[in-house]
Amino acid sequence: MKVSLGVNGACGRMGLRVIDLAHADKDVTLAAALETLSHPLLGRDVGELAGVGTLGLKVTSDVAMATRLDVLIDFSTPEGTMAVLRSVSAAASRS
């Protein structure tokens, strides 16, 4: 069974490294690449940014995507963590 993975802070050095490693793992599906609303790389393909080629996964600020993941790895700021945490917590309470 494939694990659905998202990265918050996806365009930073560690986020891009996680994208690279996840792309190489056949048991992982990259499902979200999250960044802040003001990030200059929003809308870009995260695979191209990580140097692994086009993945068809755009960098987004839509934290609601985090509610559909098996795993979220966070390499963002404290504010970024709290934004995603609120979204995931709200979704979990509706389940």
PDB file of N, CA and C in Angstrom:
ATOM      1  N   MET A   1       0.833  -1.182   0.000  1.00  0.00           N
ATOM      2  CA  MET A   1       0.000   0.000   0.000  1.00  0.00           C
ATOM      3  C   MET A   1       0.882   1.251   0.000  1.00  0.00           C
ATOM      4  N   LYS A   2       0.616   2.154  -0.908  1.00  0.00           N
ATOM      5  CA  LYS A   2       1.388   3.393  -0.989  1.00  0.00           C
ATOM      6  C   LYS A   2       0.957   4.371   0.097  1.00  0.00           C
ATOM      7  N   VAL A   3       1.927   5.090   0.604  1.00  0.00           N
ATOM      8  CA  VAL A   3       1.692   6.132   1.601  1.00  0.00           C
ATOM      9  C   VAL A   3       1.554   7.463   0.878  1.00  0.00           C
ATOM     10  N   SER A   4       0.499   8.194   1.208  1.00  0.00           N
ATOM     11  CA  SER A   4       0.259   9.516   0.645  1.00  0.00           C
ATOM     12  C   SER A   4       0.993  10.547   1.502  1.00  0.00           C
ATOM     13  N   LEU A   5       1.975  11.241   0.905  1.00  0.00           N
ATOM     14  CA  LEU A   5       2.857  12.131   1.645  1.00  0.00           C
ATOM     15  C   LEU A   5       2.706  13.572   1.191  1.00  0.00           C
ATOM     16  N   GLY A   6       2.726  14.474   2.155  1.00  0.00           N
ATOM     17  CA  GLY A   6       2.774  15.897   1.878  1.00  0.00           C
ATOM     18  C   GLY A   6       3.934  16.515   2.621  1.00  0.00           C
ATOM     19  N   VAL A   7       4.431  17.627   2.083  1.00  0.00           N
ATOM     20  CA  VAL A   7       5.531  18.346   2.721  1.00  0.00           C
ATOM     21  C   VAL A   7       5.107  19.797   2.896  1.00  0.00           C
ATOM     22  N   ASN A   8       5.113  20.269   4.137  1.00  0.00           N
ATOM     23  CA  ASN A   8       4.858  21.667   4.440  1.00  0.00           C
ATOM     24  C   ASN A   8       6.231  22.341   4.564  1.00  0.00           C
ATOM     25  N   GLY A   9       6.416  23.419   3.814  1.00  0.00           N
ATOM     26  CA  GLY A   9       7.752  24.008   3.697  1.00  0.00           C
ATOM     27  C   GLY A   9       8.495  23.310   2.569  1.00  0.00           C
ATOM     28  N   ALA A  10       7.761  22.942   1.541  1.00  0.00           N
ATOM     29  CA  ALA A  10       8.283  22.097   0.465  1.00  0.00           C
ATOM     30  C   ALA A  10       9.412  22.728  -0.339  1.00  0.00           C
ATOM     31  N   CYS A  11       9.498  24.037  -0.388  1.00  0.00           N
ATOM     32  CA  CYS A  11      10.502  24.685  -1.239  1.00  0.00           C
ATOM     33  C   CYS A  11      11.796  25.019  -0.512  1.00  0.00           C
ATOM     34  N   GLY A  12      11.875  24.716   0.746  1.00  0.00           N
ATOM     35  CA  GLY A  12      13.121  24.920   1.473  1.00  0.00           C
ATOM     36  C   GLY A  12      14.096  23.794   1.189  1.00  0.00           C
ATOM     37  N   ARG A  13      15.312  23.930   1.681  1.00  0.00           N
ATOM     38  CA  ARG A  13      16.350  22.926   1.435  1.00  0.00           C
ATOM     39  C   ARG A  13      15.919  21.535   1.902  1.00  0.00           C
ATOM     40  N   MET A  14      15.402  21.429   3.112  1.00  0.00           N
ATOM     41  CA  MET A  14      14.991  20.112   3.630  1.00  0.00           C
ATOM     42  C   MET A  14      13.729  19.613   2.936  1.00  0.00           C
ATOM     43  N   GLY A  15      12.788  20.506   2.665  1.00  0.00           N
ATOM     44  CA  GLY A  15      11.567  20.102   1.970  1.00  0.00           C
ATOM     45  C   GLY A  15      11.863  19.515   0.605  1.00  0.00           C
ATOM     46  N   LEU A  16      12.735  20.176  -0.148  1.00  0.00           N
ATOM     47  CA  LEU A  16      13.088  19.669  -1.472  1.00  0.00           C
ATOM     48  C   LEU A  16      13.846  18.347  -1.390  1.00  0.00           C
ATOM     49  N   ARG A  17      14.637  18.173  -0.349  1.00  0.00           N
ATOM     50  CA  ARG A  17      15.342  16.890  -0.177  1.00  0.00           C
ATOM     51  C   ARG A  17      14.355  15.769   0.113  1.00  0.00           C
ATOM     52  N   VAL A  18      13.350  16.054   0.936  1.00  0.00           N
ATOM     53  CA  VAL A  18      12.307  15.052   1.214  1.00  0.00           C
ATOM     54  C   VAL A  18      11.554  14.712  -0.073  1.00  0.00           C
ATOM     55  N   ILE A  19      11.245  15.717  -0.880  1.00  0.00           N
ATOM     56  CA  ILE A  19      10.579  15.478  -2.172  1.00  0.00           C
ATOM     57  C   ILE A  19      11.432  14.547  -3.030  1.00  0.00           C
ATOM     58  N   ASP A  20      12.725  14.807  -3.096  1.00  0.00           N
ATOM     59  CA  ASP A  20      13.657  13.983  -3.864  1.00  0.00           C
ATOM     60  C   ASP A  20      13.639  12.534  -3.370  1.00  0.00           C
ATOM     61  N   LEU A  21      13.751  12.352  -2.070  1.00  0.00           N
ATOM     62  CA  LEU A  21      13.769  10.991  -1.500  1.00  0.00           C
ATOM     63  C   LEU A  21      12.430  10.284  -1.670  1.00  0.00           C
ATOM     64  N   ALA A  22      11.353  11.008  -1.473  1.00  0.00           N
ATOM     65  CA  ALA A  22      10.019  10.404  -1.608  1.00  0.00           C
ATOM     66  C   ALA A  22       9.767   9.981  -3.057  1.00  0.00           C
ATOM     67  N   HIS A  23      10.212  10.789  -3.985  1.00  0.00           N
ATOM     68  CA  HIS A  23      10.041  10.459  -5.402  1.00  0.00           C
ATOM     69  C   HIS A  23      10.747   9.141  -5.756  1.00  0.00           C
ATOM     70  N   ALA A  24      11.867   8.882  -5.123  1.00  0.00           N
ATOM     71  CA  ALA A  24      12.636   7.665  -5.398  1.00  0.00           C
ATOM     72  C   ALA A  24      12.065   6.424  -4.722  1.00  0.00           C
ATOM     73  N   ASP A  25      11.113   6.597  -3.819  1.00  0.00           N
ATOM     74  CA  ASP A  25      10.548   5.475  -3.061  1.00  0.00           C
ATOM     75  C   ASP A  25       9.240   5.012  -3.704  1.00  0.00           C
ATOM     76  N   LYS A  26       9.209   3.772  -4.187  1.00  0.00           N
ATOM     77  CA  LYS A  26       8.030   3.251  -4.875  1.00  0.00           C
ATOM     78  C   LYS A  26       6.820   3.105  -3.963  1.00  0.00           C
ATOM     79  N   ASP A  27       7.015   3.154  -2.650  1.00  0.00           N
ATOM     80  CA  ASP A  27       5.913   3.008  -1.709  1.00  0.00           C
ATOM     81  C   ASP A  27       5.333   4.342  -1.253  1.00  0.00           C
ATOM     82  N   VAL A  28       5.791   5.434  -1.858  1.00  0.00           N
ATOM     83  CA  VAL A  28       5.342   6.774  -1.463  1.00  0.00           C
ATOM     84  C   VAL A  28       4.732   7.483  -2.663  1.00  0.00           C
ATOM     85  N   THR A  29       3.580   8.092  -2.436  1.00  0.00           N
ATOM     86  CA  THR A  29       2.959   8.961  -3.423  1.00  0.00           C
ATOM     87  C   THR A  29       3.019  10.387  -2.908  1.00  0.00           C
ATOM     88  N   LEU A  30       3.686  11.263  -3.638  1.00  0.00           N
ATOM     89  CA  LEU A  30       3.728  12.672  -3.262  1.00  0.00           C
ATOM     90  C   LEU A  30       2.370  13.288  -3.587  1.00  0.00           C
ATOM     91  N   ALA A  31       1.708  13.832  -2.572  1.00  0.00           N
ATOM     92  CA  ALA A  31       0.341  14.308  -2.758  1.00  0.00           C
ATOM     93  C   ALA A  31       0.146  15.779  -2.423  1.00  0.00           C
ATOM     94  N   ALA A  32       1.099  16.419  -1.760  1.00  0.00           N
ATOM     95  CA  ALA A  32       0.955  17.839  -1.429  1.00  0.00           C
ATOM     96  C   ALA A  32       2.327  18.463  -1.218  1.00  0.00           C
ATOM     97  N   ALA A  33       2.478  19.660  -1.766  1.00  0.00           N
ATOM     98  CA  ALA A  33       3.692  20.463  -1.575  1.00  0.00           C
ATOM     99  C   ALA A  33       3.218  21.835  -1.126  1.00  0.00           C
ATOM    100  N   LEU A  34       3.309  22.092   0.164  1.00  0.00           N
ATOM    101  CA  LEU A  34       2.722  23.295   0.750  1.00  0.00           C
ATOM    102  C   LEU A  34       3.766  24.364   1.049  1.00  0.00           C
ATOM    103  N   GLU A  35       3.374  25.604   0.813  1.00  0.00           N
ATOM    104  CA  GLU A  35       4.186  26.779   1.126  1.00  0.00           C
ATOM    105  C   GLU A  35       3.258  27.912   1.533  1.00  0.00           C
ATOM    106  N   THR A  36       3.823  28.999   2.027  1.00  0.00           N
ATOM    107  CA  THR A  36       3.026  30.148   2.430  1.00  0.00           C
ATOM    108  C   THR A  36       2.394  30.822   1.211  1.00  0.00           C
ATOM    109  N   LEU A  37       1.319  31.538   1.468  1.00  0.00           N
ATOM    110  CA  LEU A  37       0.576  32.216   0.411  1.00  0.00           C
ATOM    111  C   LEU A  37       1.438  33.199  -0.376  1.00  0.00           C
ATOM    112  N   SER A  38       2.435  33.775   0.264  1.00  0.00           N
ATOM    113  CA  SER A  38       3.279  34.771  -0.399  1.00  0.00           C
ATOM    114  C   SER A  38       4.550  34.189  -1.031  1.00  0.00           C
ATOM    115  N   HIS A  39       4.703  32.883  -0.998  1.00  0.00           N
ATOM    116  CA  HIS A  39       5.939  32.279  -1.508  1.00  0.00           C
ATOM    117  C   HIS A  39       6.068  32.499  -3.012  1.00  0.00           C
ATOM    118  N   PRO A  40       7.242  32.914  -3.485  1.00  0.00           N
ATOM    119  CA  PRO A  40       7.416  33.215  -4.913  1.00  0.00           C
ATOM    120  C   PRO A  40       7.354  31.988  -5.833  1.00  0.00           C
ATOM    121  N   LEU A  41       7.447  30.778  -5.290  1.00  0.00           N
ATOM    122  CA  LEU A  41       7.433  29.578  -6.136  1.00  0.00           C
ATOM    123  C   LEU A  41       6.064  28.899  -6.196  1.00  0.00           C
ATOM    124  N   LEU A  42       5.036  29.533  -5.636  1.00  0.00           N
ATOM    125  CA  LEU A  42       3.686  28.959  -5.722  1.00  0.00           C
ATOM    126  C   LEU A  42       3.322  28.717  -7.181  1.00  0.00           C
ATOM    127  N   GLY A  43       2.704  27.583  -7.429  1.00  0.00           N
ATOM    128  CA  GLY A  43       2.278  27.243  -8.780  1.00  0.00           C
ATOM    129  C   GLY A  43       3.312  26.502  -9.609  1.00  0.00           C
ATOM    130  N   ARG A  44       4.543  26.459  -9.149  1.00  0.00           N
ATOM    131  CA  ARG A  44       5.597  25.732  -9.867  1.00  0.00           C
ATOM    132  C   ARG A  44       5.499  24.242  -9.557  1.00  0.00           C
ATOM    133  N   ASP A  45       5.987  23.417 -10.468  1.00  0.00           N
ATOM    134  CA  ASP A  45       6.016  21.972 -10.255  1.00  0.00           C
ATOM    135  C   ASP A  45       7.111  21.640  -9.249  1.00  0.00           C
ATOM    136  N   VAL A  46       6.757  20.970  -8.162  1.00  0.00           N
ATOM    137  CA  VAL A  46       7.719  20.705  -7.090  1.00  0.00           C
ATOM    138  C   VAL A  46       8.810  19.722  -7.527  1.00  0.00           C
ATOM    139  N   GLY A  47       8.506  18.846  -8.451  1.00  0.00           N
ATOM    140  CA  GLY A  47       9.525  17.926  -8.960  1.00  0.00           C
ATOM    141  C   GLY A  47      10.623  18.659  -9.711  1.00  0.00           C
ATOM    142  N   GLU A  48      10.234  19.652 -10.491  1.00  0.00           N
ATOM    143  CA  GLU A  48      11.227  20.453 -11.196  1.00  0.00           C
ATOM    144  C   GLU A  48      12.097  21.221 -10.204  1.00  0.00           C
ATOM    145  N   LEU A  49      11.474  21.754  -9.158  1.00  0.00           N
ATOM    146  CA  LEU A  49      12.230  22.492  -8.142  1.00  0.00           C
ATOM    147  C   LEU A  49      13.202  21.580  -7.397  1.00  0.00           C
ATOM    148  N   ALA A  50      12.803  20.326  -7.182  1.00  0.00           N
ATOM    149  CA  ALA A  50      13.647  19.365  -6.462  1.00  0.00           C
ATOM    150  C   ALA A  50      14.667  18.691  -7.375  1.00  0.00           C
ATOM    151  N   GLY A  51      14.566  18.940  -8.675  1.00  0.00           N
ATOM    152  CA  GLY A  51      15.530  18.359  -9.607  1.00  0.00           C
ATOM    153  C   GLY A  51      15.242  16.924 -10.012  1.00  0.00           C
ATOM    154  N   VAL A  52      13.989  16.476  -9.843  1.00  0.00           N
ATOM    155  CA  VAL A  52      13.646  15.098 -10.206  1.00  0.00           C
ATOM    156  C   VAL A  52      12.763  15.028 -11.447  1.00  0.00           C
ATOM    157  N   GLY A  53      12.523  16.158 -12.082  1.00  0.00           N
ATOM    158  CA  GLY A  53      11.675  16.195 -13.274  1.00  0.00           C
ATOM    159  C   GLY A  53      10.246  16.568 -12.936  1.00  0.00           C
ATOM    160  N   THR A  54       9.452  16.733 -13.956  1.00  0.00           N
ATOM    161  CA  THR A  54       8.062  17.143 -13.784  1.00  0.00           C
ATOM    162  C   THR A  54       7.257  16.034 -13.109  1.00  0.00           C
ATOM    163  N   LEU A  55       6.585  16.379 -12.017  1.00  0.00           N
ATOM    164  CA  LEU A  55       5.747  15.416 -11.289  1.00  0.00           C
ATOM    165  C   LEU A  55       4.258  15.709 -11.430  1.00  0.00           C
ATOM    166  N   GLY A  56       3.927  16.882 -11.922  1.00  0.00           N
ATOM    167  CA  GLY A  56       2.516  17.252 -12.008  1.00  0.00           C
ATOM    168  C   GLY A  56       1.938  17.651 -10.661  1.00  0.00           C
ATOM    169  N   LEU A  57       2.794  17.986  -9.713  1.00  0.00           N
ATOM    170  CA  LEU A  57       2.363  18.403  -8.378  1.00  0.00           C
ATOM    171  C   LEU A  57       2.839  19.835  -8.161  1.00  0.00           C
ATOM    172  N   LYS A  58       1.896  20.744  -8.110  1.00  0.00           N
ATOM    173  CA  LYS A  58       2.217  22.161  -7.972  1.00  0.00           C
ATOM    174  C   LYS A  58       2.371  22.554  -6.506  1.00  0.00           C
ATOM    175  N   VAL A  59       3.252  23.488  -6.255  1.00  0.00           N
ATOM    176  CA  VAL A  59       3.400  24.076  -4.925  1.00  0.00           C
ATOM    177  C   VAL A  59       2.163  24.929  -4.680  1.00  0.00           C
ATOM    178  N   THR A  60       1.538  24.730  -3.527  1.00  0.00           N
ATOM    179  CA  THR A  60       0.299  25.424  -3.201  1.00  0.00           C
ATOM    180  C   THR A  60       0.317  25.913  -1.755  1.00  0.00           C
ATOM    181  N   SER A  61      -0.562  26.835  -1.466  1.00  0.00           N
ATOM    182  CA  SER A  61      -0.750  27.285  -0.079  1.00  0.00           C
ATOM    183  C   SER A  61      -2.041  26.737   0.501  1.00  0.00           C
ATOM    184  N   ASP A  62      -2.697  25.831  -0.208  1.00  0.00           N
ATOM    185  CA  ASP A  62      -3.985  25.260   0.210  1.00  0.00           C
ATOM    186  C   ASP A  62      -3.773  24.217   1.305  1.00  0.00           C
ATOM    187  N   VAL A  63      -3.830  24.664   2.566  1.00  0.00           N
ATOM    188  CA  VAL A  63      -3.590  23.745   3.688  1.00  0.00           C
ATOM    189  C   VAL A  63      -4.670  22.674   3.807  1.00  0.00           C
ATOM    190  N   ALA A  64      -5.796  22.854   3.146  1.00  0.00           N
ATOM    191  CA  ALA A  64      -6.839  21.827   3.164  1.00  0.00           C
ATOM    192  C   ALA A  64      -6.345  20.528   2.531  1.00  0.00           C
ATOM    193  N   MET A  65      -5.344  20.611   1.667  1.00  0.00           N
ATOM    194  CA  MET A  65      -4.768  19.398   1.070  1.00  0.00           C
ATOM    195  C   MET A  65      -4.190  18.475   2.139  1.00  0.00           C
ATOM    196  N   ALA A  66      -3.755  19.044   3.247  1.00  0.00           N
ATOM    197  CA  ALA A  66      -3.148  18.247   4.318  1.00  0.00           C
ATOM    198  C   ALA A  66      -4.146  17.299   4.958  1.00  0.00           C
ATOM    199  N   THR A  67      -5.418  17.556   4.795  1.00  0.00           N
ATOM    200  CA  THR A  67      -6.436  16.693   5.407  1.00  0.00           C
ATOM    201  C   THR A  67      -6.609  15.384   4.650  1.00  0.00           C
ATOM    202  N   ARG A  68      -6.029  15.276   3.465  1.00  0.00           N
ATOM    203  CA  ARG A  68      -6.180  14.066   2.655  1.00  0.00           C
ATOM    204  C   ARG A  68      -4.910  13.226   2.590  1.00  0.00           C
ATOM    205  N   LEU A  69      -4.014  13.423   3.513  1.00  0.00           N
ATOM    206  CA  LEU A  69      -2.720  12.749   3.499  1.00  0.00           C
ATOM    207  C   LEU A  69      -2.629  11.672   4.571  1.00  0.00           C
ATOM    208  N   ASP A  70      -1.757  10.689   4.334  1.00  0.00           N
ATOM    209  CA  ASP A  70      -1.408   9.729   5.384  1.00  0.00           C
ATOM    210  C   ASP A  70      -0.347  10.327   6.301  1.00  0.00           C
ATOM    211  N   VAL A  71       0.597  11.077   5.704  1.00  0.00           N
ATOM    212  CA  VAL A  71       1.723  11.643   6.443  1.00  0.00           C
ATOM    213  C   VAL A  71       1.979  13.060   5.949  1.00  0.00           C
ATOM    214  N   LEU A  72       2.242  13.964   6.886  1.00  0.00           N
ATOM    215  CA  LEU A  72       2.669  15.315   6.545  1.00  0.00           C
ATOM    216  C   LEU A  72       3.978  15.584   7.265  1.00  0.00           C
ATOM    217  N   ILE A  73       4.996  15.899   6.495  1.00  0.00           N
ATOM    218  CA  ILE A  73       6.291  16.268   7.067  1.00  0.00           C
ATOM    219  C   ILE A  73       6.377  17.778   7.020  1.00  0.00           C
ATOM    220  N   ASP A  74       6.717  18.386   8.136  1.00  0.00           N
ATOM    221  CA  ASP A  74       6.702  19.843   8.239  1.00  0.00           C
ATOM    222  C   ASP A  74       8.106  20.390   8.449  1.00  0.00           C
ATOM    223  N   PHE A  75       8.560  21.158   7.459  1.00  0.00           N
ATOM    224  CA  PHE A  75       9.827  21.895   7.559  1.00  0.00           C
ATOM    225  C   PHE A  75       9.544  23.375   7.326  1.00  0.00           C
ATOM    226  N   SER A  76       8.456  23.843   7.937  1.00  0.00           N
ATOM    227  CA  SER A  76       8.057  25.233   7.748  1.00  0.00           C
ATOM    228  C   SER A  76       8.411  26.057   8.981  1.00  0.00           C
ATOM    229  N   THR A  77       7.751  27.179   9.109  1.00  0.00           N
ATOM    230  CA  THR A  77       7.907  28.053  10.272  1.00  0.00           C
ATOM    231  C   THR A  77       6.874  27.676  11.330  1.00  0.00           C
ATOM    232  N   PRO A  78       7.013  28.188  12.545  1.00  0.00           N
ATOM    233  CA  PRO A  78       5.969  27.923  13.552  1.00  0.00           C
ATOM    234  C   PRO A  78       4.579  28.353  13.067  1.00  0.00           C
ATOM    235  N   GLU A  79       4.491  29.469  12.361  1.00  0.00           N
ATOM    236  CA  GLU A  79       3.206  29.929  11.842  1.00  0.00           C
ATOM    237  C   GLU A  79       2.655  28.959  10.801  1.00  0.00           C
ATOM    238  N   GLY A  80       3.532  28.439   9.954  1.00  0.00           N
ATOM    239  CA  GLY A  80       3.118  27.466   8.948  1.00  0.00           C
ATOM    240  C   GLY A  80       2.632  26.177   9.576  1.00  0.00           C
ATOM    241  N   THR A  81       3.315  25.753  10.613  1.00  0.00           N
ATOM    242  CA  THR A  81       2.897  24.550  11.329  1.00  0.00           C
ATOM    243  C   THR A  81       1.515  24.740  11.936  1.00  0.00           C
ATOM    244  N   MET A  82       1.292  25.881  12.568  1.00  0.00           N
ATOM    245  CA  MET A  82       0.003  26.130  13.218  1.00  0.00           C
ATOM    246  C   MET A  82      -1.137  26.208  12.201  1.00  0.00           C
ATOM    247  N   ALA A  83      -0.889  26.782  11.025  1.00  0.00           N
ATOM    248  CA  ALA A  83      -1.925  26.860   9.996  1.00  0.00           C
ATOM    249  C   ALA A  83      -2.351  25.466   9.543  1.00  0.00           C
ATOM    250  N   VAL A  84      -1.390  24.596   9.305  1.00  0.00           N
ATOM    251  CA  VAL A  84      -1.703  23.233   8.887  1.00  0.00           C
ATOM    252  C   VAL A  84      -2.349  22.460  10.034  1.00  0.00           C
ATOM    253  N   LEU A  85      -1.843  22.660  11.231  1.00  0.00           N
ATOM    254  CA  LEU A  85      -2.385  21.963  12.398  1.00  0.00           C
ATOM    255  C   LEU A  85      -3.860  22.286  12.596  1.00  0.00           C
ATOM    256  N   ARG A  86      -4.231  23.549  12.441  1.00  0.00           N
ATOM    257  CA  ARG A  86      -5.645  23.932  12.573  1.00  0.00           C
ATOM    258  C   ARG A  86      -6.506  23.218  11.535  1.00  0.00           C
ATOM    259  N   SER A  87      -6.032  23.155  10.326  1.00  0.00           N
ATOM    260  CA  SER A  87      -6.787  22.512   9.256  1.00  0.00           C
ATOM    261  C   SER A  87      -6.945  21.020   9.501  1.00  0.00           C
ATOM    262  N   VAL A  88      -5.859  20.360   9.865  1.00  0.00           N
ATOM    263  CA  VAL A  88      -5.903  18.919  10.115  1.00  0.00           C
ATOM    264  C   VAL A  88      -6.737  18.594  11.349  1.00  0.00           C
ATOM    265  N   SER A  89      -6.631  19.410  12.389  1.00  0.00           N
ATOM    266  CA  SER A  89      -7.408  19.196  13.607  1.00  0.00           C
ATOM    267  C   SER A  89      -8.888  19.332  13.334  1.00  0.00           C
ATOM    268  N   ALA A  90      -9.267  20.337  12.552  1.00  0.00           N
ATOM    269  CA  ALA A  90     -10.687  20.537  12.215  1.00  0.00           C
ATOM    270  C   ALA A  90     -11.221  19.352  11.418  1.00  0.00           C
ATOM    271  N   ALA A  91     -10.438  18.841  10.484  1.00  0.00           N
ATOM    272  CA  ALA A  91     -10.863  17.696   9.675  1.00  0.00           C
ATOM    273  C   ALA A  91     -10.994  16.457  10.545  1.00  0.00           C
ATOM    274  N   ALA A  92     -10.069  16.269  11.472  1.00  0.00           N
ATOM    275  CA  ALA A  92     -10.113  15.093  12.356  1.00  0.00           C
ATOM    276  C   ALA A  92     -11.333  15.136  13.263  1.00  0.00           C
ATOM    277  N   SER A  93     -11.726  16.298  13.698  1.00  0.00           N
ATOM    278  CA  SER A  93     -12.888  16.398  14.595  1.00  0.00           C
ATOM    279  C   SER A  93     -14.192  16.134  13.844  1.00  0.00           C
ATOM    280  N   ARG A  94     -14.193  16.319  12.509  1.00  0.00           N
ATOM    281  CA  ARG A  94     -15.386  16.027  11.709  1.00  0.00           C
ATOM    282  C   ARG A  94     -15.497  14.543  11.393  1.00  0.00           C
ATOM    283  N   SER A  95     -14.408  13.805  11.516  1.00  0.00           N
ATOM    284  CA  SER A  95     -14.402  12.366  11.170  1.00  0.00           C
ATOM    285  C   SER A  95     -15.076  11.525  12.206  1.00  0.00           C
TER     286      SER A  95
END
